[in-house]
């Protein structure tokens, strides 16, 4: 049993660039997977993580604030408990500890310095 997770690149206006690895990540059910979103000034910024499946539109999973990786959930995502944020050398990464087939989706990050002005591009 394998899981394919697609990650695409994202760019943000205002001359800032978000860096996501392009490609497909394949994991076996039960494995751990992490997604990075570099190029965001982690201090004083918000990084929003979205999931898009083939049959649903973009769904907000969580957002991360600042270099301490403070996480805010509560957006009624059905898999909310499966996701967390982890501080690494690359910054704050979205993490799934035990991958399930239901996690097969595309994951996108968005960036903002304020919670009410999100810049988000595919």
PDB file of N, CA and C in Angstrom:
ATOM      1  N   UNK A   1       0.844  -1.175   0.000  1.00  0.00           N
ATOM      2  CA  UNK A   1       0.000   0.000   0.000  1.00  0.00           C
ATOM      3  C   UNK A   1       0.883   1.229   0.000  1.00  0.00           C
ATOM      4  N   UNK A   2       0.716   2.105  -0.978  1.00  0.00           N
ATOM      5  CA  UNK A   2       1.532   3.311  -1.088  1.00  0.00           C
ATOM      6  C   UNK A   2       0.652   4.549  -1.189  1.00  0.00           C
ATOM      7  N   UNK A   3       1.212   5.660  -0.796  1.00  0.00           N
ATOM      8  CA  UNK A   3       0.530   6.951  -0.840  1.00  0.00           C
ATOM      9  C   UNK A   3       1.313   7.871  -1.743  1.00  0.00           C
ATOM     10  N   UNK A   4       0.644   8.505  -2.669  1.00  0.00           N
ATOM     11  CA  UNK A   4       1.291   9.514  -3.503  1.00  0.00           C
ATOM     12  C   UNK A   4       0.806  10.879  -3.065  1.00  0.00           C
ATOM     13  N   UNK A   5       1.740  11.757  -2.770  1.00  0.00           N
ATOM     14  CA  UNK A   5       1.420  13.107  -2.340  1.00  0.00           C
ATOM     15  C   UNK A   5       2.121  14.062  -3.279  1.00  0.00           C
ATOM     16  N   UNK A   6       1.362  14.908  -3.957  1.00  0.00           N
ATOM     17  CA  UNK A   6       1.935  15.852  -4.905  1.00  0.00           C
ATOM     18  C   UNK A   6       2.151  17.200  -4.231  1.00  0.00           C
ATOM     19  N   UNK A   7       3.268  17.796  -4.526  1.00  0.00           N
ATOM     20  CA  UNK A   7       3.580  19.117  -3.989  1.00  0.00           C
ATOM     21  C   UNK A   7       3.956  20.001  -5.155  1.00  0.00           C
ATOM     22  N   UNK A   8       3.340  21.184  -5.251  1.00  0.00           N
ATOM     23  CA  UNK A   8       3.680  22.062  -6.360  1.00  0.00           C
ATOM     24  C   UNK A   8       4.329  23.337  -5.853  1.00  0.00           C
ATOM     25  N   UNK A   9       4.951  24.049  -6.748  1.00  0.00           N
ATOM     26  CA  UNK A   9       5.631  25.297  -6.390  1.00  0.00           C
ATOM     27  C   UNK A   9       4.614  26.389  -6.124  1.00  0.00           C
ATOM     28  N   UNK A  10       5.007  27.342  -5.305  1.00  0.00           N
ATOM     29  CA  UNK A  10       4.143  28.479  -4.991  1.00  0.00           C
ATOM     30  C   UNK A  10       4.962  29.751  -5.011  1.00  0.00           C
ATOM     31  N   UNK A  11       4.365  30.817  -5.538  1.00  0.00           N
ATOM     32  CA  UNK A  11       5.011  32.129  -5.545  1.00  0.00           C
ATOM     33  C   UNK A  11       4.102  33.136  -4.878  1.00  0.00           C
ATOM     34  N   UNK A  12       4.691  34.103  -4.245  1.00  0.00           N
ATOM     35  CA  UNK A  12       3.927  35.127  -3.554  1.00  0.00           C
ATOM     36  C   UNK A  12       4.281  36.483  -4.112  1.00  0.00           C
ATOM     37  N   UNK A  13       3.295  37.367  -4.174  1.00  0.00           N
ATOM     38  CA  UNK A  13       3.511  38.735  -4.644  1.00  0.00           C
ATOM     39  C   UNK A  13       4.414  39.489  -3.685  1.00  0.00           C
ATOM     40  N   UNK A  14       4.680  40.714  -3.973  1.00  0.00           N
ATOM     41  CA  UNK A  14       5.512  41.596  -3.164  1.00  0.00           C
ATOM     42  C   UNK A  14       6.967  41.138  -3.166  1.00  0.00           C
ATOM     43  N   UNK A  15       7.425  40.553  -4.245  1.00  0.00           N
ATOM     44  CA  UNK A  15       8.809  40.145  -4.453  1.00  0.00           C
ATOM     45  C   UNK A  15       9.290  39.085  -3.477  1.00  0.00           C
ATOM     46  N   UNK A  16       8.403  38.485  -2.730  1.00  0.00           N
ATOM     47  CA  UNK A  16       8.797  37.378  -1.860  1.00  0.00           C
ATOM     48  C   UNK A  16       8.552  36.084  -2.619  1.00  0.00           C
ATOM     49  N   UNK A  17       9.350  35.092  -2.359  1.00  0.00           N
ATOM     50  CA  UNK A  17       9.188  33.825  -3.054  1.00  0.00           C
ATOM     51  C   UNK A  17       9.081  32.697  -2.054  1.00  0.00           C
ATOM     52  N   UNK A  18       8.010  31.924  -2.176  1.00  0.00           N
ATOM     53  CA  UNK A  18       7.868  30.716  -1.387  1.00  0.00           C
ATOM     54  C   UNK A  18       8.511  29.589  -2.158  1.00  0.00           C
ATOM     55  N   UNK A  19       9.186  28.724  -1.467  1.00  0.00           N
ATOM     56  CA  UNK A  19       9.882  27.631  -2.125  1.00  0.00           C
ATOM     57  C   UNK A  19       9.322  26.318  -1.605  1.00  0.00           C
ATOM     58  N   UNK A  20       8.640  25.590  -2.483  1.00  0.00           N
ATOM     59  CA  UNK A  20       8.180  24.248  -2.174  1.00  0.00           C
ATOM     60  C   UNK A  20       8.857  23.308  -3.148  1.00  0.00           C
ATOM     61  N   UNK A  21       9.267  22.159  -2.660  1.00  0.00           N
ATOM     62  CA  UNK A  21       9.843  21.157  -3.542  1.00  0.00           C
ATOM     63  C   UNK A  21       8.766  20.689  -4.508  1.00  0.00           C
ATOM     64  N   UNK A  22       9.119  20.639  -5.794  1.00  0.00           N
ATOM     65  CA  UNK A  22       8.171  20.137  -6.779  1.00  0.00           C
ATOM     66  C   UNK A  22       8.344  18.637  -6.890  1.00  0.00           C
ATOM     67  N   UNK A  23       7.247  17.961  -7.158  1.00  0.00           N
ATOM     68  CA  UNK A  23       7.354  16.538  -7.385  1.00  0.00           C
ATOM     69  C   UNK A  23       6.306  15.762  -6.619  1.00  0.00           C
ATOM     70  N   UNK A  24       6.470  14.476  -6.652  1.00  0.00           N
ATOM     71  CA  UNK A  24       5.559  13.569  -5.985  1.00  0.00           C
ATOM     72  C   UNK A  24       6.311  12.828  -4.899  1.00  0.00           C
ATOM     73  N   UNK A  25       5.746  12.819  -3.722  1.00  0.00           N
ATOM     74  CA  UNK A  25       6.313  12.055  -2.621  1.00  0.00           C
ATOM     75  C   UNK A  25       5.475  10.801  -2.457  1.00  0.00           C
ATOM     76  N   UNK A  26       6.115   9.660  -2.401  1.00  0.00           N
ATOM     77  CA  UNK A  26       5.407   8.404  -2.213  1.00  0.00           C
ATOM     78  C   UNK A  26       5.834   7.801  -0.890  1.00  0.00           C
ATOM     79  N   UNK A  27       4.871   7.485  -0.063  1.00  0.00           N
ATOM     80  CA  UNK A  27       5.141   6.899   1.241  1.00  0.00           C
ATOM     81  C   UNK A  27       4.239   5.690   1.445  1.00  0.00           C
ATOM     82  N   UNK A  28       4.713   4.757   2.243  1.00  0.00           N
ATOM     83  CA  UNK A  28       3.923   3.605   2.635  1.00  0.00           C
ATOM     84  C   UNK A  28       3.041   4.009   3.808  1.00  0.00           C
ATOM     85  N   UNK A  29       1.832   3.469   3.857  1.00  0.00           N
ATOM     86  CA  UNK A  29       0.936   3.772   4.974  1.00  0.00           C
ATOM     87  C   UNK A  29       1.654   3.500   6.288  1.00  0.00           C
ATOM     88  N   UNK A  30       1.534   4.444   7.218  1.00  0.00           N
ATOM     89  CA  UNK A  30       2.201   4.336   8.512  1.00  0.00           C
ATOM     90  C   UNK A  30       3.494   5.114   8.603  1.00  0.00           C
ATOM     91  N   UNK A  31       4.051   5.503   7.454  1.00  0.00           N
ATOM     92  CA  UNK A  31       5.289   6.289   7.433  1.00  0.00           C
ATOM     93  C   UNK A  31       5.016   7.735   7.840  1.00  0.00           C
ATOM     94  N   UNK A  32       6.107   8.485   8.004  1.00  0.00           N
ATOM     95  CA  UNK A  32       6.042   9.917   8.287  1.00  0.00           C
ATOM     96  C   UNK A  32       6.416  10.686   7.031  1.00  0.00           C
ATOM     97  N   UNK A  33       5.766  11.827   6.811  1.00  0.00           N
ATOM     98  CA  UNK A  33       6.110  12.689   5.688  1.00  0.00           C
ATOM     99  C   UNK A  33       6.070  14.139   6.162  1.00  0.00           C
ATOM    100  N   UNK A  34       6.984  14.955   5.618  1.00  0.00           N
ATOM    101  CA  UNK A  34       7.036  16.380   5.945  1.00  0.00           C
ATOM    102  C   UNK A  34       7.123  17.195   4.668  1.00  0.00           C
ATOM    103  N   UNK A  35       6.524  18.387   4.698  1.00  0.00           N
ATOM    104  CA  UNK A  35       6.545  19.317   3.575  1.00  0.00           C
ATOM    105  C   UNK A  35       7.140  20.627   4.054  1.00  0.00           C
ATOM    106  N   UNK A  36       8.063  21.164   3.276  1.00  0.00           N
ATOM    107  CA  UNK A  36       8.660  22.445   3.664  1.00  0.00           C
ATOM    108  C   UNK A  36       8.107  23.563   2.789  1.00  0.00           C
ATOM    109  N   UNK A  37       8.169  24.765   3.324  1.00  0.00           N
ATOM    110  CA  UNK A  37       7.732  25.960   2.607  1.00  0.00           C
ATOM    111  C   UNK A  37       8.745  27.043   2.933  1.00  0.00           C
ATOM    112  N   UNK A  38       9.859  27.038   2.245  1.00  0.00           N
ATOM    113  CA  UNK A  38      10.940  27.972   2.528  1.00  0.00           C
ATOM    114  C   UNK A  38      10.704  29.325   1.889  1.00  0.00           C
ATOM    115  N   UNK A  39      11.548  30.287   2.266  1.00  0.00           N
ATOM    116  CA  UNK A  39      11.466  31.618   1.700  1.00  0.00           C
ATOM    117  C   UNK A  39      10.499  32.521   2.425  1.00  0.00           C
ATOM    118  N   UNK A  40       9.987  32.072   3.557  1.00  0.00           N
ATOM    119  CA  UNK A  40       9.080  32.894   4.348  1.00  0.00           C
ATOM    120  C   UNK A  40       9.836  33.393   5.556  1.00  0.00           C
ATOM    121  N   UNK A  41       9.860  34.679   5.745  1.00  0.00           N
ATOM    122  CA  UNK A  41      10.491  35.240   6.933  1.00  0.00           C
ATOM    123  C   UNK A  41       9.683  34.758   8.122  1.00  0.00           C
ATOM    124  N   UNK A  42      10.126  33.701   8.759  1.00  0.00           N
ATOM    125  CA  UNK A  42       9.338  33.042   9.792  1.00  0.00           C
ATOM    126  C   UNK A  42       9.004  33.953  10.968  1.00  0.00           C
ATOM    127  N   UNK A  43       9.828  34.953  11.242  1.00  0.00           N
ATOM    128  CA  UNK A  43       9.536  35.861  12.350  1.00  0.00           C
ATOM    129  C   UNK A  43       8.459  36.850  11.912  1.00  0.00           C
ATOM    130  N   UNK A  44       7.338  36.849  12.579  1.00  0.00           N
ATOM    131  CA  UNK A  44       6.275  37.791  12.277  1.00  0.00           C
ATOM    132  C   UNK A  44       5.465  37.448  11.051  1.00  0.00           C
ATOM    133  N   UNK A  45       5.574  36.227  10.555  1.00  0.00           N
ATOM    134  CA  UNK A  45       4.808  35.849   9.377  1.00  0.00           C
ATOM    135  C   UNK A  45       3.928  34.649   9.685  1.00  0.00           C
ATOM    136  N   UNK A  46       2.924  34.481   8.838  1.00  0.00           N
ATOM    137  CA  UNK A  46       2.016  33.353   8.936  1.00  0.00           C
ATOM    138  C   UNK A  46       2.211  32.488   7.697  1.00  0.00           C
ATOM    139  N   UNK A  47       2.309  31.180   7.883  1.00  0.00           N
ATOM    140  CA  UNK A  47       2.358  30.245   6.767  1.00  0.00           C
ATOM    141  C   UNK A  47       1.127  29.354   6.892  1.00  0.00           C
ATOM    142  N   UNK A  48       0.281  29.393   5.865  1.00  0.00           N
ATOM    143  CA  UNK A  48      -0.964  28.642   5.842  1.00  0.00           C
ATOM    144  C   UNK A  48      -0.772  27.387   4.997  1.00  0.00           C
ATOM    145  N   UNK A  49      -1.242  26.251   5.498  1.00  0.00           N
ATOM    146  CA  UNK A  49      -1.133  24.991   4.768  1.00  0.00           C
ATOM    147  C   UNK A  49      -2.519  24.525   4.330  1.00  0.00           C
ATOM    148  N   UNK A  50      -2.619  24.201   3.033  1.00  0.00           N
ATOM    149  CA  UNK A  50      -3.866  23.759   2.420  1.00  0.00           C
ATOM    150  C   UNK A  50      -3.696  22.371   1.827  1.00  0.00           C
ATOM    151  N   UNK A  51      -4.806  21.637   1.799  1.00  0.00           N
ATOM    152  CA  UNK A  51      -4.856  20.330   1.151  1.00  0.00           C
ATOM    153  C   UNK A  51      -5.898  20.413   0.039  1.00  0.00           C
ATOM    154  N   UNK A  52      -5.561  19.855  -1.126  1.00  0.00           N
ATOM    155  CA  UNK A  52      -6.521  19.790  -2.228  1.00  0.00           C
ATOM    156  C   UNK A  52      -6.544  18.373  -2.765  1.00  0.00           C
ATOM    157  N   UNK A  53      -7.696  17.736  -2.655  1.00  0.00           N
ATOM    158  CA  UNK A  53      -7.853  16.393  -3.201  1.00  0.00           C
ATOM    159  C   UNK A  53      -8.468  16.499  -4.595  1.00  0.00           C
ATOM    160  N   UNK A  54      -8.545  15.371  -5.277  1.00  0.00           N
ATOM    161  CA  UNK A  54      -9.116  15.370  -6.628  1.00  0.00           C
ATOM    162  C   UNK A  54     -10.598  15.722  -6.624  1.00  0.00           C
ATOM    163  N   UNK A  55     -11.286  15.447  -5.519  1.00  0.00           N
ATOM    164  CA  UNK A  55     -12.738  15.657  -5.497  1.00  0.00           C
ATOM    165  C   UNK A  55     -13.168  16.849  -4.639  1.00  0.00           C
ATOM    166  N   UNK A  56     -12.230  17.509  -3.974  1.00  0.00           N
ATOM    167  CA  UNK A  56     -12.574  18.655  -3.132  1.00  0.00           C
ATOM    168  C   UNK A  56     -11.727  19.860  -3.488  1.00  0.00           C
ATOM    169  N   UNK A  57     -12.205  21.027  -3.097  1.00  0.00           N
ATOM    170  CA  UNK A  57     -11.465  22.260  -3.291  1.00  0.00           C
ATOM    171  C   UNK A  57     -10.410  22.399  -2.188  1.00  0.00           C
ATOM    172  N   UNK A  58      -9.695  23.506  -2.186  1.00  0.00           N
ATOM    173  CA  UNK A  58      -8.676  23.748  -1.174  1.00  0.00           C
ATOM    174  C   UNK A  58      -9.309  23.793   0.211  1.00  0.00           C
ATOM    175  N   UNK A  59      -8.686  23.079   1.155  1.00  0.00           N
ATOM    176  CA  UNK A  59      -9.142  23.100   2.547  1.00  0.00           C
ATOM    177  C   UNK A  59      -7.981  23.508   3.427  1.00  0.00           C
ATOM    178  N   UNK A  60      -8.210  24.498   4.265  1.00  0.00           N
ATOM    179  CA  UNK A  60      -7.179  24.944   5.191  1.00  0.00           C
ATOM    180  C   UNK A  60      -6.996  23.888   6.277  1.00  0.00           C
ATOM    181  N   UNK A  61      -5.738  23.465   6.460  1.00  0.00           N
ATOM    182  CA  UNK A  61      -5.415  22.478   7.488  1.00  0.00           C
ATOM    183  C   UNK A  61      -5.062  23.192   8.787  1.00  0.00           C
ATOM    184  N   UNK A  62      -4.087  24.114   8.679  1.00  0.00           N
ATOM    185  CA  UNK A  62      -3.597  24.844   9.846  1.00  0.00           C
ATOM    186  C   UNK A  62      -2.747  26.006   9.370  1.00  0.00           C
ATOM    187  N   UNK A  63      -2.395  26.885  10.297  1.00  0.00           N
ATOM    188  CA  UNK A  63      -1.377  27.871   9.976  1.00  0.00           C
ATOM    189  C   UNK A  63      -0.346  27.897  11.082  1.00  0.00           C
ATOM    190  N   UNK A  64       0.845  28.329  10.704  1.00  0.00           N
ATOM    191  CA  UNK A  64       1.988  28.376  11.605  1.00  0.00           C
ATOM    192  C   UNK A  64       2.427  29.825  11.704  1.00  0.00           C
ATOM    193  N   UNK A  65       2.741  30.266  12.921  1.00  0.00           N
ATOM    194  CA  UNK A  65       3.166  31.640  13.140  1.00  0.00           C
ATOM    195  C   UNK A  65       4.567  31.679  13.727  1.00  0.00           C
ATOM    196  N   UNK A  66       5.430  32.463  13.097  1.00  0.00           N
ATOM    197  CA  UNK A  66       6.739  32.783  13.658  1.00  0.00           C
ATOM    198  C   UNK A  66       7.736  31.646  13.692  1.00  0.00           C
ATOM    199  N   UNK A  67       8.935  31.972  14.144  1.00  0.00           N
ATOM    200  CA  UNK A  67      10.040  31.018  14.146  1.00  0.00           C
ATOM    201  C   UNK A  67       9.863  29.919  15.184  1.00  0.00           C
ATOM    202  N   UNK A  68       8.964  30.115  16.147  1.00  0.00           N
ATOM    203  CA  UNK A  68       8.720  29.091  17.158  1.00  0.00           C
ATOM    204  C   UNK A  68       7.732  28.034  16.717  1.00  0.00           C
ATOM    205  N   UNK A  69       7.228  28.156  15.511  1.00  0.00           N
ATOM    206  CA  UNK A  69       6.275  27.200  14.934  1.00  0.00           C
ATOM    207  C   UNK A  69       4.989  27.084  15.753  1.00  0.00           C
ATOM    208  N   UNK A  70       4.493  28.201  16.252  1.00  0.00           N
ATOM    209  CA  UNK A  70       3.200  28.184  16.939  1.00  0.00           C
ATOM    210  C   UNK A  70       2.130  27.803  15.928  1.00  0.00           C
ATOM    211  N   UNK A  71       1.311  26.820  16.260  1.00  0.00           N
ATOM    212  CA  UNK A  71       0.339  26.269  15.323  1.00  0.00           C
ATOM    213  C   UNK A  71      -1.081  26.621  15.737  1.00  0.00           C
ATOM    214  N   UNK A  72      -1.891  26.987  14.746  1.00  0.00           N
ATOM    215  CA  UNK A  72      -3.305  27.257  14.978  1.00  0.00           C
ATOM    216  C   UNK A  72      -4.126  26.318  14.104  1.00  0.00           C
ATOM    217  N   UNK A  73      -4.981  25.526  14.733  1.00  0.00           N
ATOM    218  CA  UNK A  73      -5.905  24.650  14.018  1.00  0.00           C
ATOM    219  C   UNK A  73      -7.321  25.134  14.304  1.00  0.00           C
ATOM    220  N   UNK A  74      -8.300  24.320  13.986  1.00  0.00           N
ATOM    221  CA  UNK A  74      -9.680  24.669  14.286  1.00  0.00           C
ATOM    222  C   UNK A  74     -10.459  25.122  13.076  1.00  0.00           C
ATOM    223  N   UNK A  75     -10.128  24.600  11.909  1.00  0.00           N
ATOM    224  CA  UNK A  75     -10.799  24.987  10.668  1.00  0.00           C
ATOM    225  C   UNK A  75     -11.688  23.870  10.130  1.00  0.00           C
ATOM    226  N   UNK A  76     -12.064  22.953  10.993  1.00  0.00           N
ATOM    227  CA  UNK A  76     -12.964  21.845  10.652  1.00  0.00           C
ATOM    228  C   UNK A  76     -12.434  20.950   9.545  1.00  0.00           C
ATOM    229  N   UNK A  77     -11.126  20.832   9.446  1.00  0.00           N
ATOM    230  CA  UNK A  77     -10.565  19.884   8.487  1.00  0.00           C
ATOM    231  C   UNK A  77     -10.790  18.484   9.052  1.00  0.00           C
ATOM    232  N   UNK A  78     -11.328  17.557   8.251  1.00  0.00           N
ATOM    233  CA  UNK A  78     -11.667  16.229   8.781  1.00  0.00           C
ATOM    234  C   UNK A  78     -10.457  15.426   9.275  1.00  0.00           C
ATOM    235  N   UNK A  79      -9.261  15.758   8.815  1.00  0.00           N
ATOM    236  CA  UNK A  79      -8.055  15.035   9.228  1.00  0.00           C
ATOM    237  C   UNK A  79      -7.152  15.900  10.115  1.00  0.00           C
ATOM    238  N   UNK A  80      -7.709  16.931  10.700  1.00  0.00           N
ATOM    239  CA  UNK A  80      -6.938  17.917  11.453  1.00  0.00           C
ATOM    240  C   UNK A  80      -5.958  17.295  12.454  1.00  0.00           C
ATOM    241  N   UNK A  81      -6.372  16.250  13.143  1.00  0.00           N
ATOM    242  CA  UNK A  81      -5.530  15.637  14.179  1.00  0.00           C
ATOM    243  C   UNK A  81      -4.321  14.908  13.598  1.00  0.00           C
ATOM    244  N   UNK A  82      -4.343  14.626  12.310  1.00  0.00           N
ATOM    245  CA  UNK A  82      -3.231  13.907  11.675  1.00  0.00           C
ATOM    246  C   UNK A  82      -2.050  14.820  11.362  1.00  0.00           C
ATOM    247  N   UNK A  83      -2.260  16.135  11.365  1.00  0.00           N
ATOM    248  CA  UNK A  83      -1.243  17.094  10.937  1.00  0.00           C
ATOM    249  C   UNK A  83      -0.652  17.849  12.118  1.00  0.00           C
ATOM    250  N   UNK A  84       0.628  18.193  11.973  1.00  0.00           N
ATOM    251  CA  UNK A  84       1.304  19.028  12.965  1.00  0.00           C
ATOM    252  C   UNK A  84       2.364  19.850  12.244  1.00  0.00           C
ATOM    253  N   UNK A  85       2.996  20.741  12.973  1.00  0.00           N
ATOM    254  CA  UNK A  85       4.115  21.516  12.433  1.00  0.00           C
ATOM    255  C   UNK A  85       5.349  21.160  13.243  1.00  0.00           C
ATOM    256  N   UNK A  86       6.470  21.059  12.550  1.00  0.00           N
ATOM    257  CA  UNK A  86       7.721  20.683  13.198  1.00  0.00           C
ATOM    258  C   UNK A  86       8.805  21.670  12.802  1.00  0.00           C
ATOM    259  N   UNK A  87       9.560  22.134  13.774  1.00  0.00           N
ATOM    260  CA  UNK A  87      10.656  23.057  13.501  1.00  0.00           C
ATOM    261  C   UNK A  87      11.872  22.261  13.039  1.00  0.00           C
ATOM    262  N   UNK A  88      12.402  22.632  11.866  1.00  0.00           N
ATOM    263  CA  UNK A  88      13.594  21.988  11.313  1.00  0.00           C
ATOM    264  C   UNK A  88      14.556  23.078  10.847  1.00  0.00           C
ATOM    265  N   UNK A  89      15.665  22.663  10.254  1.00  0.00           N
ATOM    266  CA  UNK A  89      16.616  23.630   9.703  1.00  0.00           C
ATOM    267  C   UNK A  89      15.996  24.431   8.568  1.00  0.00           C
ATOM    268  N   UNK A  90      15.004  23.866   7.888  1.00  0.00           N
ATOM    269  CA  UNK A  90      14.336  24.546   6.776  1.00  0.00           C
ATOM    270  C   UNK A  90      13.253  25.508   7.253  1.00  0.00           C
ATOM    271  N   UNK A  91      12.924  25.484   8.526  1.00  0.00           N
ATOM    272  CA  UNK A  91      11.846  26.311   9.058  1.00  0.00           C
ATOM    273  C   UNK A  91      10.795  25.431   9.702  1.00  0.00           C
ATOM    274  N   UNK A  92       9.552  25.838   9.606  1.00  0.00           N
ATOM    275  CA  UNK A  92       8.436  25.070  10.161  1.00  0.00           C
ATOM    276  C   UNK A  92       7.815  24.241   9.043  1.00  0.00           C
ATOM    277  N   UNK A  93       7.859  22.937   9.196  1.00  0.00           N
ATOM    278  CA  UNK A  93       7.341  22.042   8.163  1.00  0.00           C
ATOM    279  C   UNK A  93       6.001  21.451   8.578  1.00  0.00           C
ATOM    280  N   UNK A  94       5.144  21.211   7.583  1.00  0.00           N
ATOM    281  CA  UNK A  94       3.907  20.478   7.805  1.00  0.00           C
ATOM    282  C   UNK A  94       4.273  19.007   7.909  1.00  0.00           C
ATOM    283  N   UNK A  95       3.740  18.318   8.907  1.00  0.00           N
ATOM    284  CA  UNK A  95       4.130  16.929   9.146  1.00  0.00           C
ATOM    285  C   UNK A  95       2.903  16.048   9.332  1.00  0.00           C
ATOM    286  N   UNK A  96       2.966  14.856   8.731  1.00  0.00           N
ATOM    287  CA  UNK A  96       1.977  13.805   8.968  1.00  0.00           C
ATOM    288  C   UNK A  96       2.749  12.641   9.570  1.00  0.00           C
ATOM    289  N   UNK A  97       2.433  12.271  10.810  1.00  0.00           N
ATOM    290  CA  UNK A  97       3.182  11.213  11.490  1.00  0.00           C
ATOM    291  C   UNK A  97       2.875   9.824  10.963  1.00  0.00           C
ATOM    292  N   UNK A  98       1.623   9.521  10.755  1.00  0.00           N
ATOM    293  CA  UNK A  98       1.255   8.202  10.248  1.00  0.00           C
ATOM    294  C   UNK A  98       0.375   8.381   9.013  1.00  0.00           C
ATOM    295  N   UNK A  99       1.026   8.307   7.868  1.00  0.00           N
ATOM    296  CA  UNK A  99       0.351   8.524   6.592  1.00  0.00           C
ATOM    297  C   UNK A  99      -0.719   7.465   6.361  1.00  0.00           C
ATOM    298  N   UNK A 100      -1.853   7.937   5.833  1.00  0.00           N
ATOM    299  CA  UNK A 100      -2.951   7.056   5.433  1.00  0.00           C
ATOM    300  C   UNK A 100      -3.234   7.299   3.954  1.00  0.00           C
ATOM    301  N   UNK A 101      -3.881   6.355   3.322  1.00  0.00           N
ATOM    302  CA  UNK A 101      -4.253   6.519   1.920  1.00  0.00           C
ATOM    303  C   UNK A 101      -5.114   7.771   1.749  1.00  0.00           C
ATOM    304  N   UNK A 102      -5.936   8.087   2.739  1.00  0.00           N
ATOM    305  CA  UNK A 102      -6.804   9.272   2.679  1.00  0.00           C
ATOM    306  C   UNK A 102      -6.027  10.578   2.621  1.00  0.00           C
ATOM    307  N   UNK A 103      -4.739  10.560   2.917  1.00  0.00           N
ATOM    308  CA  UNK A 103      -3.918  11.773   2.859  1.00  0.00           C
ATOM    309  C   UNK A 103      -3.428  12.071   1.440  1.00  0.00           C
ATOM    310  N   UNK A 104      -3.719  11.186   0.509  1.00  0.00           N
ATOM    311  CA  UNK A 104      -3.280  11.390  -0.867  1.00  0.00           C
ATOM    312  C   UNK A 104      -3.935  12.655  -1.417  1.00  0.00           C
ATOM    313  N   UNK A 105      -3.100  13.676  -1.701  1.00  0.00           N
ATOM    314  CA  UNK A 105      -3.606  14.986  -2.113  1.00  0.00           C
ATOM    315  C   UNK A 105      -2.441  15.856  -2.533  1.00  0.00           C
ATOM    316  N   UNK A 106      -2.765  17.052  -2.998  1.00  0.00           N
ATOM    317  CA  UNK A 106      -1.753  18.084  -3.229  1.00  0.00           C
ATOM    318  C   UNK A 106      -1.766  19.007  -2.021  1.00  0.00           C
ATOM    319  N   UNK A 107      -0.580  19.441  -1.604  1.00  0.00           N
ATOM    320  CA  UNK A 107      -0.446  20.310  -0.439  1.00  0.00           C
ATOM    321  C   UNK A 107       0.206  21.613  -0.872  1.00  0.00           C
ATOM    322  N   UNK A 108      -0.376  22.721  -0.434  1.00  0.00           N
ATOM    323  CA  UNK A 108       0.075  24.048  -0.830  1.00  0.00           C
ATOM    324  C   UNK A 108       0.312  24.898   0.409  1.00  0.00           C
ATOM    325  N   UNK A 109       1.284  25.788   0.295  1.00  0.00           N
ATOM    326  CA  UNK A 109       1.487  26.747   1.377  1.00  0.00           C
ATOM    327  C   UNK A 109       1.188  28.146   0.864  1.00  0.00           C
ATOM    328  N   UNK A 110       0.705  28.986   1.756  1.00  0.00           N
ATOM    329  CA  UNK A 110       0.458  30.395   1.482  1.00  0.00           C
ATOM    330  C   UNK A 110       1.132  31.207   2.566  1.00  0.00           C
ATOM    331  N   UNK A 111       1.437  32.461   2.271  1.00  0.00           N
ATOM    332  CA  UNK A 111       2.221  33.291   3.180  1.00  0.00           C
ATOM    333  C   UNK A 111       1.554  34.641   3.385  1.00  0.00           C
ATOM    334  N   UNK A 112       1.619  35.133   4.601  1.00  0.00           N
ATOM    335  CA  UNK A 112       1.100  36.461   4.900  1.00  0.00           C
ATOM    336  C   UNK A 112       1.819  37.019   6.116  1.00  0.00           C
ATOM    337  N   UNK A 113       1.932  38.343   6.164  1.00  0.00           N
ATOM    338  CA  UNK A 113       2.452  38.972   7.371  1.00  0.00           C
ATOM    339  C   UNK A 113       1.306  39.357   8.296  1.00  0.00           C
ATOM    340  N   UNK A 114       0.071  39.279   7.798  1.00  0.00           N
ATOM    341  CA  UNK A 114      -1.138  39.526   8.587  1.00  0.00           C
ATOM    342  C   UNK A 114      -2.118  38.421   8.275  1.00  0.00           C
ATOM    343  N   UNK A 115      -2.919  38.033   9.246  1.00  0.00           N
ATOM    344  CA  UNK A 115      -3.862  36.938   9.002  1.00  0.00           C
ATOM    345  C   UNK A 115      -4.985  37.315   8.049  1.00  0.00           C
ATOM    346  N   UNK A 116      -5.224  38.611   7.818  1.00  0.00           N
ATOM    347  CA  UNK A 116      -6.332  38.996   6.941  1.00  0.00           C
ATOM    348  C   UNK A 116      -5.887  39.389   5.534  1.00  0.00           C
ATOM    349  N   UNK A 117      -4.596  39.259   5.215  1.00  0.00           N
ATOM    350  CA  UNK A 117      -4.115  39.570   3.863  1.00  0.00           C
ATOM    351  C   UNK A 117      -3.217  38.449   3.370  1.00  0.00           C
ATOM    352  N   UNK A 118      -3.822  37.382   2.961  1.00  0.00           N
ATOM    353  CA  UNK A 118      -3.087  36.202   2.522  1.00  0.00           C
ATOM    354  C   UNK A 118      -2.752  36.291   1.042  1.00  0.00           C
ATOM    355  N   UNK A 119      -1.491  36.049   0.706  1.00  0.00           N
ATOM    356  CA  UNK A 119      -1.063  35.926  -0.686  1.00  0.00           C
ATOM    357  C   UNK A 119      -0.871  34.450  -0.960  1.00  0.00           C
ATOM    358  N   UNK A 120      -1.625  33.917  -1.897  1.00  0.00           N
ATOM    359  CA  UNK A 120      -1.608  32.477  -2.141  1.00  0.00           C
ATOM    360  C   UNK A 120      -1.716  32.228  -3.628  1.00  0.00           C
ATOM    361  N   UNK A 121      -0.751  31.517  -4.159  1.00  0.00           N
ATOM    362  CA  UNK A 121      -0.739  31.218  -5.582  1.00  0.00           C
ATOM    363  C   UNK A 121      -0.417  29.758  -5.786  1.00  0.00           C
ATOM    364  N   UNK A 122      -0.836  29.234  -6.902  1.00  0.00           N
ATOM    365  CA  UNK A 122      -0.538  27.849  -7.227  1.00  0.00           C
ATOM    366  C   UNK A 122       0.835  27.754  -7.804  1.00  0.00           C
TER     367      UNK A 122
END
